[in-house]
Amino acid sequence: MILYRLTHIRLMKQLITTIAAVLLVGCGNSQQSTPLEEQPAEPVSEVPAQQSTPRAEAQPVEPIPAEAQPVEPIVETAQPSEDTKVANPKANRALMNAARDGNIEVLKQQLAAGADVNAKDDKGLTAFDWFKDEETAALLRKHGGKSAKELETEGK
């Protein structure tokens, strides 16, 4: 066992010695050629500044005559089409998560952004059904929040 360790120590010592020798020899002074004589820089002649050409003057825009505008405004009635998307039950997930976690700041942000306070999730519950504390419940009530049972009673 001791012989095994001594062999490894000798190998490591030889390896470190070899690396040190290579580094020392490689870091010696390199042979450089004699530097060329520096020649003084020639002075640069100055060129007189050129006068800029005058810009073309902007032409005023002519107003469109009233006769060219349509007399009756175009009114399009918005009719739901067959490809109208159905409301996503998970669309107000952030509002419901904030109500569940009692995160008042996120709840205020969602309500300010127009989140539907009475939207139901995939289980048929509203954000009010998920509230964590009384402060959350009070904020939801202030914005018209109701539980799923209250909405059922009202027929919504």
Protein backbone atom coordinates (compact mmCIF):
# COMPACT_ATOMS: atom_id res chain seq x y z
CA MET A 1 0.00 0.00 0.00
CA ILE A 2 2.80 2.39 0.91
CA LEU A 3 4.72 1.46 -2.22
CA TYR A 4 1.63 2.27 -4.32
CA ARG A 5 1.38 5.74 -2.77
CA LEU A 6 5.11 6.43 -3.21
CA THR A 7 4.87 5.57 -6.90
CA HIS A 8 2.02 8.07 -7.36
CA ILE A 9 3.90 10.74 -5.45
CA ARG A 10 6.98 10.27 -7.65
CA LEU A 11 4.87 10.46 -10.81
CA MET A 12 3.16 13.64 -9.62
CA LYS A 13 6.53 15.17 -8.70
CA GLN A 14 7.92 14.42 -12.15
CA LEU A 15 4.80 15.80 -13.83
CA ILE A 16 4.88 19.05 -11.85
CA THR A 17 8.62 19.46 -12.52
CA THR A 18 8.07 18.96 -16.26
CA ILE A 19 5.22 21.50 -16.37
CA ALA A 20 7.28 24.05 -14.42
CA ALA A 21 10.25 23.60 -16.78
CA VAL A 22 8.07 24.08 -19.87
CA LEU A 23 6.54 27.22 -18.42
CA LEU A 24 9.89 28.72 -17.49
CA VAL A 25 11.47 28.01 -20.87
CA GLY A 26 8.38 29.19 -22.72
CA CYS A 27 8.30 32.46 -20.79
CA GLY A 28 11.81 33.50 -21.73
CA ASN A 29 12.60 36.63 -23.71
CA SER A 30 11.54 36.28 -27.29
CA GLN A 31 13.77 37.43 -30.10
CA GLN A 32 12.51 40.65 -31.53
CA SER A 33 13.73 42.43 -34.57
CA THR A 34 15.05 45.92 -34.14
CA PRO A 35 12.25 48.44 -34.22
CA LEU A 36 11.88 50.48 -37.36
CA GLU A 37 12.66 54.13 -37.15
CA GLU A 38 9.53 56.09 -36.60
CA GLN A 39 8.95 58.68 -39.23
CA PRO A 40 7.27 61.89 -38.21
CA ALA A 41 3.69 62.19 -39.31
CA GLU A 42 3.03 64.49 -42.21
CA PRO A 43 0.82 67.45 -41.45
CA VAL A 44 -2.68 67.22 -42.83
CA SER A 45 -3.82 70.06 -44.99
CA GLU A 46 -7.06 71.72 -43.98
CA VAL A 47 -9.92 71.85 -46.43
CA PRO A 48 -12.28 74.82 -46.25
CA ALA A 49 -15.76 73.98 -45.03
CA GLN A 50 -18.31 73.50 -47.76
CA GLN A 51 -21.47 75.50 -47.75
CA SER A 52 -24.53 73.33 -47.38
CA THR A 53 -27.09 73.52 -50.10
CA PRO A 54 -30.38 75.10 -49.02
CA ARG A 55 -33.14 72.64 -48.25
CA ALA A 56 -36.13 72.49 -50.48
CA GLU A 57 -38.90 74.41 -48.83
CA ALA A 58 -41.77 72.29 -47.62
CA GLN A 59 -44.90 72.64 -49.64
CA PRO A 60 -48.08 73.11 -47.60
CA VAL A 61 -50.56 70.28 -47.79
CA GLU A 62 -53.72 71.17 -49.61
CA PRO A 63 -56.89 70.43 -47.63
CA ILE A 64 -59.32 67.94 -49.08
CA PRO A 65 -62.54 69.62 -50.18
CA ALA A 66 -65.68 68.74 -48.24
CA GLU A 67 -67.31 67.32 -51.37
CA ALA A 68 -64.70 64.57 -51.54
CA GLN A 69 -65.64 63.19 -48.13
CA PRO A 70 -68.53 60.73 -47.78
CA VAL A 71 -71.77 62.35 -46.67
CA GLU A 72 -73.06 59.41 -44.62
CA PRO A 73 -70.73 57.60 -42.25
CA ILE A 74 -70.32 53.93 -42.89
CA VAL A 75 -71.98 51.98 -40.11
CA GLU A 76 -71.35 48.30 -39.72
CA THR A 77 -73.47 46.36 -37.32
CA ALA A 78 -71.59 43.75 -35.40
CA GLN A 79 -73.38 40.46 -35.80
CA PRO A 80 -72.01 37.39 -34.05
CA SER A 81 -70.83 34.86 -36.55
CA GLU A 82 -70.63 31.10 -36.34
CA ASP A 83 -66.92 31.24 -35.55
CA THR A 84 -67.38 33.51 -32.54
CA LYS A 85 -65.36 32.13 -29.67
CA VAL A 86 -67.13 30.98 -26.54
CA ALA A 87 -65.90 32.49 -23.27
CA ASN A 88 -62.96 30.63 -21.81
CA PRO A 89 -63.76 29.34 -18.32
CA LYS A 90 -60.08 29.69 -17.40
CA ALA A 91 -59.81 33.30 -18.64
CA ASN A 92 -60.09 34.79 -15.16
CA ARG A 93 -57.72 32.30 -13.55
CA ALA A 94 -55.43 35.10 -12.31
CA LEU A 95 -58.33 36.77 -10.50
CA MET A 96 -59.38 33.50 -8.88
CA ASN A 97 -55.81 32.63 -7.90
CA ALA A 98 -55.37 36.07 -6.33
CA ALA A 99 -58.63 35.62 -4.40
CA ARG A 100 -57.56 32.16 -3.23
CA ASP A 101 -54.10 33.38 -2.16
CA GLY A 102 -55.39 36.59 -0.59
CA ASN A 103 -53.13 38.68 -2.83
CA ILE A 104 -54.89 42.04 -2.66
CA GLU A 105 -52.50 43.86 -5.03
CA VAL A 106 -52.95 41.35 -7.86
CA LEU A 107 -56.69 41.30 -7.18
CA LYS A 108 -56.83 45.10 -7.56
CA GLN A 109 -54.78 44.95 -10.77
CA GLN A 110 -57.04 42.30 -12.28
CA LEU A 111 -60.20 44.20 -11.36
CA ALA A 112 -58.75 47.44 -12.74
CA ALA A 113 -57.89 45.62 -15.98
CA GLY A 114 -61.54 44.62 -16.37
CA ALA A 115 -61.56 41.03 -15.17
CA ASP A 116 -65.08 39.64 -14.77
CA VAL A 117 -65.53 39.35 -11.02
CA ASN A 118 -68.41 36.87 -11.43
CA ALA A 119 -66.83 34.65 -14.09
CA LYS A 120 -67.06 30.96 -13.30
CA ASP A 121 -64.22 28.50 -13.58
CA ASP A 122 -64.45 24.96 -14.93
CA LYS A 123 -65.91 23.82 -11.60
CA GLY A 124 -68.63 26.47 -11.74
CA LEU A 125 -67.13 28.56 -8.92
CA THR A 126 -66.51 32.32 -8.92
CA ALA A 127 -63.60 34.25 -7.42
CA PHE A 128 -65.80 34.95 -4.40
CA ASP A 129 -66.05 31.20 -3.77
CA TRP A 130 -62.26 31.06 -3.60
CA PHE A 131 -61.60 33.99 -1.23
CA LYS A 132 -59.05 33.47 1.55
CA ASP A 133 -59.77 36.24 4.04
CA GLU A 134 -62.33 38.92 4.83
CA GLU A 135 -60.32 41.69 3.16
CA THR A 136 -60.42 39.75 -0.11
CA ALA A 137 -64.15 39.10 0.28
CA ALA A 138 -64.81 42.79 0.97
CA LEU A 139 -62.89 43.86 -2.14
CA LEU A 140 -64.75 41.35 -4.31
CA ARG A 141 -68.11 42.47 -2.86
CA LYS A 142 -67.17 46.11 -3.50
CA HIS A 143 -66.77 45.25 -7.19
CA GLY A 144 -70.01 43.26 -7.34
CA GLY A 145 -68.58 39.84 -6.65
CA LYS A 146 -71.02 37.07 -5.79
CA SER A 147 -70.76 33.39 -5.05
CA ALA A 148 -71.89 30.78 -7.56
CA LYS A 149 -74.93 29.98 -5.39
CA GLU A 150 -75.95 33.64 -5.31
CA LEU A 151 -75.70 33.82 -9.09
CA GLU A 152 -77.81 30.65 -9.42
CA THR A 153 -80.45 32.18 -7.15
CA GLU A 154 -80.53 35.27 -9.38
CA GLY A 155 -80.75 33.07 -12.46
CA LYS A 156 -77.41 34.05 -14.02
